[in-house]
Every structure is written in C-alpha cells, then in structure tokens.
Amino acid sequence: MTDDDLADAVERFLDGADAALDEYDQGYADADATVSVLRSHVADLRDAVDE
C-alpha cells in the first residue's frame, strides 16, 4: 500500500464516519444502526490497510 492509497482509505473512512454520525445527530438513525455503519467503515479501512 502506498502512502496515497492509505490517505485515500483514511479519507473514505472519515467521510463515511462523518456521514453516519451526521445521520445519527439529525435523528435519521438510531445508535445501533450508527454503530453498525461505523463498524463496517472500520472493517473497510482495515481491509484497505492489509492490502
């Protein structure tokens, strides 16, 4: 993985995490759904780092 690839993976994670938290803050998602989405983004980030 190059530094650019890592930076892109982190950026995707942060964008997805921010979106999930924004939906929670606006009342569109409950806590369980938000945690599930965040876990999915963490898994995606881990996969990208492992490549």
C-alpha atoms as a PDB file:
ATOM      1  CA  MET A   1       0.000   0.000   0.000  1.00  0.00           C
ATOM      2  CA  THR A   2       1.332   3.380  -0.927  1.00  0.00           C
ATOM      3  CA  ASP A   3       1.005   6.491   1.163  1.00  0.00           C
ATOM      4  CA  ASP A   4      -1.552   7.811  -1.330  1.00  0.00           C
ATOM      5  CA  ASP A   5      -3.604   4.617  -1.029  1.00  0.00           C
ATOM      6  CA  LEU A   6      -3.545   4.891   2.742  1.00  0.00           C
ATOM      7  CA  ALA A   7      -4.536   8.538   2.619  1.00  0.00           C
ATOM      8  CA  ASP A   8      -7.440   7.678   0.297  1.00  0.00           C
ATOM      9  CA  ALA A   9      -8.594   4.858   2.601  1.00  0.00           C
ATOM     10  CA  VAL A  10      -8.474   7.135   5.637  1.00  0.00           C
ATOM     11  CA  GLU A  11     -10.353   9.840   3.758  1.00  0.00           C
ATOM     12  CA  ARG A  12     -13.099   7.370   2.757  1.00  0.00           C
ATOM     13  CA  PHE A  13     -13.317   6.182   6.372  1.00  0.00           C
ATOM     14  CA  LEU A  14     -13.602   9.699   7.742  1.00  0.00           C
ATOM     15  CA  ASP A  15     -16.206  10.690   5.155  1.00  0.00           C
ATOM     16  CA  GLY A  16     -18.285   7.602   5.912  1.00  0.00           C
ATOM     17  CA  ALA A  17     -17.948   8.023   9.667  1.00  0.00           C
ATOM     18  CA  ASP A  18     -18.911  11.689   9.458  1.00  0.00           C
ATOM     19  CA  ALA A  19     -21.959  10.837   7.343  1.00  0.00           C
ATOM     20  CA  ALA A  20     -23.082   8.133   9.793  1.00  0.00           C
ATOM     21  CA  LEU A  21     -22.674  10.450  12.762  1.00  0.00           C
ATOM     22  CA  ASP A  22     -24.489  13.281  10.962  1.00  0.00           C
ATOM     23  CA  GLU A  23     -27.442  10.961  10.270  1.00  0.00           C
ATOM     24  CA  TYR A  24     -27.491   9.980  13.931  1.00  0.00           C
ATOM     25  CA  ASP A  25     -27.307  13.610  15.070  1.00  0.00           C
ATOM     26  CA  GLN A  26     -30.216  14.514  12.781  1.00  0.00           C
ATOM     27  CA  GLY A  27     -32.309  11.641  14.134  1.00  0.00           C
ATOM     28  CA  TYR A  28     -32.325   9.596  10.920  1.00  0.00           C
ATOM     29  CA  ALA A  29     -30.571   6.594  12.513  1.00  0.00           C
ATOM     30  CA  ASP A  30     -30.569   5.063  15.965  1.00  0.00           C
ATOM     31  CA  ALA A  31     -27.452   4.248  17.949  1.00  0.00           C
ATOM     32  CA  ASP A  32     -27.369   0.563  16.956  1.00  0.00           C
ATOM     33  CA  ALA A  33     -27.583   1.372  13.261  1.00  0.00           C
ATOM     34  CA  THR A  34     -24.904   4.025  13.583  1.00  0.00           C
ATOM     35  CA  VAL A  35     -22.526   1.670  15.378  1.00  0.00           C
ATOM     36  CA  SER A  36     -23.149  -0.960  12.712  1.00  0.00           C
ATOM     37  CA  VAL A  37     -22.275   1.505   9.944  1.00  0.00           C
ATOM     38  CA  LEU A  38     -19.170   2.661  11.798  1.00  0.00           C
ATOM     39  CA  ARG A  39     -18.040  -0.959  12.268  1.00  0.00           C
ATOM     40  CA  SER A  40     -18.469  -1.519   8.553  1.00  0.00           C
ATOM     41  CA  HIS A  41     -16.301   1.501   7.795  1.00  0.00           C
ATOM     42  CA  VAL A  42     -13.662   0.281  10.251  1.00  0.00           C
ATOM     43  CA  ALA A  43     -13.645  -3.125   8.542  1.00  0.00           C
ATOM     44  CA  ASP A  44     -13.244  -1.458   5.141  1.00  0.00           C
ATOM     45  CA  LEU A  45     -10.342   0.607   6.462  1.00  0.00           C
ATOM     46  CA  ARG A  46      -8.677  -2.482   7.919  1.00  0.00           C
ATOM     47  CA  ASP A  47      -9.050  -4.311   4.606  1.00  0.00           C
ATOM     48  CA  ALA A  48      -7.504  -1.393   2.736  1.00  0.00           C
ATOM     49  CA  VAL A  49      -4.569  -1.233   5.139  1.00  0.00           C
ATOM     50  CA  ASP A  50      -3.998  -5.000   4.872  1.00  0.00           C
ATOM     51  CA  GLU A  51      -3.730  -4.837   1.064  1.00  0.00           C
END
